Amino acid sequence: TDAHAAELRDIGQQMQLVVDRGDREAYSQLNRTLHGRVIEIADQPTASETIARLRGQAIRYHFQLATRPDRPQVSLPQHMAIIEAICTRNPDAAGRAMHEHLASVTEAIAASAVA
C-alpha cells in the first residue's frame, strides 16, 4: 500500500541519517525494523516462519556482521534498492535486490569465518 511504501521509505531515510553520523547501533536496530516490516508487509506466513527459524540459527552471524565497522556502508545501498523496488511494486527488481543483499551477507559471513 502507499502507507507501507511511505513507512519503508521513512525507515530508509532514518538508516541513511544514522549511517551518515556513524551510529552503528542505531543502524542495526533500524535494520531489524526494516527486515521485520518487509516480512510483515509481504504477508507470507510460511516464508515468515521459515525466516524466523533461520534467523534463530544465524543470530551469532548477525552479531558478527552488526559489529563490523564497514557493514552499514555496504548494506545501506542494498536496503535502499530493496525499499525502492518494493515501493514501486516491482517484484523482479525486489527479488534481484534481495538476492544481491543475501549474497553480500553470505560473502561477509564467509569472510569473517576466515578472518
C-alpha atoms as a PDB file:
ATOM      1  CA  THR A   1       0.000   0.000   0.000  1.00  0.00           C
ATOM      2  CA  ASP A   2       1.003   3.629  -0.226  1.00  0.00           C
ATOM      3  CA  ALA A   3       1.173   3.737   3.571  1.00  0.00           C
ATOM      4  CA  HIS A   4       3.572   0.785   3.616  1.00  0.00           C
ATOM      5  CA  ALA A   5       5.708   2.443   0.951  1.00  0.00           C
ATOM      6  CA  ALA A   6       5.876   5.651   2.964  1.00  0.00           C
ATOM      7  CA  GLU A   7       6.814   3.695   6.082  1.00  0.00           C
ATOM      8  CA  LEU A   8       9.594   1.790   4.299  1.00  0.00           C
ATOM      9  CA  ARG A   9      10.949   4.971   2.732  1.00  0.00           C
ATOM     10  CA  ASP A  10      10.950   6.622   6.151  1.00  0.00           C
ATOM     11  CA  ILE A  11      12.942   3.733   7.602  1.00  0.00           C
ATOM     12  CA  GLY A  12      15.372   4.047   4.689  1.00  0.00           C
ATOM     13  CA  GLN A  13      15.810   7.767   5.327  1.00  0.00           C
ATOM     14  CA  GLN A  14      16.440   7.112   9.006  1.00  0.00           C
ATOM     15  CA  MET A  15      19.004   4.457   8.070  1.00  0.00           C
ATOM     16  CA  GLN A  16      20.802   6.960   5.838  1.00  0.00           C
ATOM     17  CA  LEU A  17      20.919   9.521   8.645  1.00  0.00           C
ATOM     18  CA  VAL A  18      22.400   7.131  11.197  1.00  0.00           C
ATOM     19  CA  VAL A  19      24.966   5.828   8.702  1.00  0.00           C
ATOM     20  CA  ASP A  20      25.963   9.418   7.928  1.00  0.00           C
ATOM     21  CA  ARG A  21      26.611  10.055  11.606  1.00  0.00           C
ATOM     22  CA  GLY A  22      28.335   6.688  12.143  1.00  0.00           C
ATOM     23  CA  ASP A  23      25.812   5.270  14.606  1.00  0.00           C
ATOM     24  CA  ARG A  24      26.151   1.521  14.021  1.00  0.00           C
ATOM     25  CA  GLU A  25      23.908   0.610  16.953  1.00  0.00           C
ATOM     26  CA  ALA A  26      21.021   2.703  15.626  1.00  0.00           C
ATOM     27  CA  TYR A  27      21.626   1.282  12.152  1.00  0.00           C
ATOM     28  CA  SER A  28      21.472  -2.258  13.500  1.00  0.00           C
ATOM     29  CA  GLN A  29      18.152  -1.504  15.202  1.00  0.00           C
ATOM     30  CA  LEU A  30      16.721   0.074  12.052  1.00  0.00           C
ATOM     31  CA  ASN A  31      17.995  -2.901  10.063  1.00  0.00           C
ATOM     32  CA  ARG A  32      15.991  -5.233  12.302  1.00  0.00           C
ATOM     33  CA  THR A  33      12.973  -2.936  11.995  1.00  0.00           C
ATOM     34  CA  LEU A  34      13.219  -2.884   8.203  1.00  0.00           C
ATOM     35  CA  HIS A  35      13.558  -6.643   7.931  1.00  0.00           C
ATOM     36  CA  GLY A  36      10.615  -7.150  10.263  1.00  0.00           C
ATOM     37  CA  ARG A  37       8.383  -4.732   8.398  1.00  0.00           C
ATOM     38  CA  VAL A  38       9.245  -6.212   4.999  1.00  0.00           C
ATOM     39  CA  ILE A  39       8.328  -9.650   6.331  1.00  0.00           C
ATOM     40  CA  GLU A  40       5.071  -8.357   7.825  1.00  0.00           C
ATOM     41  CA  ILE A  41       4.109  -6.365   4.738  1.00  0.00           C
ATOM     42  CA  ALA A  42       4.759  -9.369   2.484  1.00  0.00           C
ATOM     43  CA  ASP A  43       2.100 -11.254   4.454  1.00  0.00           C
ATOM     44  CA  GLN A  44       3.545 -14.660   3.603  1.00  0.00           C
ATOM     45  CA  PRO A  45       3.138 -16.807   6.746  1.00  0.00           C
ATOM     46  CA  THR A  46       5.171 -19.774   5.503  1.00  0.00           C
ATOM     47  CA  ALA A  47       8.069 -17.577   4.425  1.00  0.00           C
ATOM     48  CA  SER A  48       7.834 -15.649   7.680  1.00  0.00           C
ATOM     49  CA  GLU A  49       8.053 -18.839   9.752  1.00  0.00           C
ATOM     50  CA  THR A  50      10.998 -20.101   7.710  1.00  0.00           C
ATOM     51  CA  ILE A  51      12.838 -16.801   8.086  1.00  0.00           C
ATOM     52  CA  ALA A  52      12.212 -16.806  11.837  1.00  0.00           C
ATOM     53  CA  ARG A  53      13.706 -20.296  12.163  1.00  0.00           C
ATOM     54  CA  LEU A  54      16.724 -19.395  10.043  1.00  0.00           C
ATOM     55  CA  ARG A  55      17.249 -16.146  11.896  1.00  0.00           C
ATOM     56  CA  GLY A  56      17.291 -18.011  15.194  1.00  0.00           C
ATOM     57  CA  GLN A  57      20.014 -20.288  13.878  1.00  0.00           C
ATOM     58  CA  ALA A  58      22.052 -17.420  12.448  1.00  0.00           C
ATOM     59  CA  ILE A  59      21.969 -14.996  15.386  1.00  0.00           C
ATOM     60  CA  ARG A  60      25.710 -15.192  16.050  1.00  0.00           C
ATOM     61  CA  TYR A  61      26.444 -14.283  12.431  1.00  0.00           C
ATOM     62  CA  HIS A  62      24.099 -11.325  12.671  1.00  0.00           C
ATOM     63  CA  PHE A  63      26.046 -10.090  15.684  1.00  0.00           C
ATOM     64  CA  GLN A  64      29.358 -10.521  13.850  1.00  0.00           C
ATOM     65  CA  LEU A  65      28.105  -8.518  10.882  1.00  0.00           C
ATOM     66  CA  ALA A  66      26.478  -5.849  13.018  1.00  0.00           C
ATOM     67  CA  THR A  67      29.781  -5.106  14.728  1.00  0.00           C
ATOM     68  CA  ARG A  68      31.783  -4.727  11.509  1.00  0.00           C
ATOM     69  CA  PRO A  69      32.529  -1.038  11.037  1.00  0.00           C
ATOM     70  CA  ASP A  70      32.115  -1.139   7.249  1.00  0.00           C
ATOM     71  CA  ARG A  71      28.906  -3.156   7.107  1.00  0.00           C
ATOM     72  CA  PRO A  72      26.385  -0.284   7.183  1.00  0.00           C
ATOM     73  CA  GLN A  73      28.051   1.376   4.187  1.00  0.00           C
ATOM     74  CA  VAL A  74      27.822  -1.919   2.304  1.00  0.00           C
ATOM     75  CA  SER A  75      24.286  -2.885   3.255  1.00  0.00           C
ATOM     76  CA  LEU A  76      22.622   0.539   3.145  1.00  0.00           C
ATOM     77  CA  PRO A  77      22.580   0.805  -0.673  1.00  0.00           C
ATOM     78  CA  GLN A  78      21.285  -2.762  -0.809  1.00  0.00           C
ATOM     79  CA  HIS A  79      18.498  -1.947   1.630  1.00  0.00           C
ATOM     80  CA  MET A  80      17.636   1.201  -0.307  1.00  0.00           C
ATOM     81  CA  ALA A  81      17.375  -0.827  -3.530  1.00  0.00           C
ATOM     82  CA  ILE A  82      15.060  -3.308  -1.809  1.00  0.00           C
ATOM     83  CA  ILE A  83      12.925  -0.480  -0.427  1.00  0.00           C
ATOM     84  CA  GLU A  84      12.696   1.227  -3.808  1.00  0.00           C
ATOM     85  CA  ALA A  85      11.720  -1.986  -5.580  1.00  0.00           C
ATOM     86  CA  ILE A  86       9.013  -2.754  -3.034  1.00  0.00           C
ATOM     87  CA  CYS A  87       7.699   0.809  -3.061  1.00  0.00           C
ATOM     88  CA  THR A  88       7.485   0.877  -6.849  1.00  0.00           C
ATOM     89  CA  ARG A  89       5.789  -2.528  -6.736  1.00  0.00           C
ATOM     90  CA  ASN A  90       8.448  -4.141  -8.898  1.00  0.00           C
ATOM     91  CA  PRO A  91       8.737  -7.769  -7.759  1.00  0.00           C
ATOM     92  CA  ASP A  92      11.508  -8.631 -10.225  1.00  0.00           C
ATOM     93  CA  ALA A  93      13.672  -5.761  -9.008  1.00  0.00           C
ATOM     94  CA  ALA A  94      12.847  -6.630  -5.398  1.00  0.00           C
ATOM     95  CA  GLY A  95      13.916 -10.214  -5.982  1.00  0.00           C
ATOM     96  CA  ARG A  96      17.176  -9.128  -7.604  1.00  0.00           C
ATOM     97  CA  ALA A  97      17.894  -6.617  -4.851  1.00  0.00           C
ATOM     98  CA  MET A  98      17.172  -9.182  -2.151  1.00  0.00           C
ATOM     99  CA  HIS A  99      19.354 -11.741  -3.906  1.00  0.00           C
ATOM    100  CA  GLU A 100      22.236  -9.249  -4.075  1.00  0.00           C
ATOM    101  CA  HIS A 101      21.778  -8.415  -0.399  1.00  0.00           C
ATOM    102  CA  LEU A 102      21.742 -12.061   0.665  1.00  0.00           C
ATOM    103  CA  ALA A 103      24.802 -12.793  -1.477  1.00  0.00           C
ATOM    104  CA  SER A 104      26.604  -9.911   0.203  1.00  0.00           C
ATOM    105  CA  VAL A 105      25.632 -11.180   3.649  1.00  0.00           C
ATOM    106  CA  THR A 106      26.827 -14.669   2.723  1.00  0.00           C
ATOM    107  CA  GLU A 107      30.157 -13.291   1.497  1.00  0.00           C
ATOM    108  CA  ALA A 108      30.597 -11.208   4.648  1.00  0.00           C
ATOM    109  CA  ILE A 109      29.872 -14.196   6.878  1.00  0.00           C
ATOM    110  CA  ALA A 110      32.331 -16.342   4.930  1.00  0.00           C
ATOM    111  CA  ALA A 111      34.983 -13.627   5.156  1.00  0.00           C
ATOM    112  CA  SER A 112      34.506 -13.265   8.906  1.00  0.00           C
ATOM    113  CA  ALA A 113      34.818 -17.036   9.349  1.00  0.00           C
ATOM    114  CA  VAL A 114      38.191 -16.966   7.590  1.00  0.00           C
ATOM    115  CA  ALA A 115      39.465 -13.903   9.457  1.00  0.00           C
END
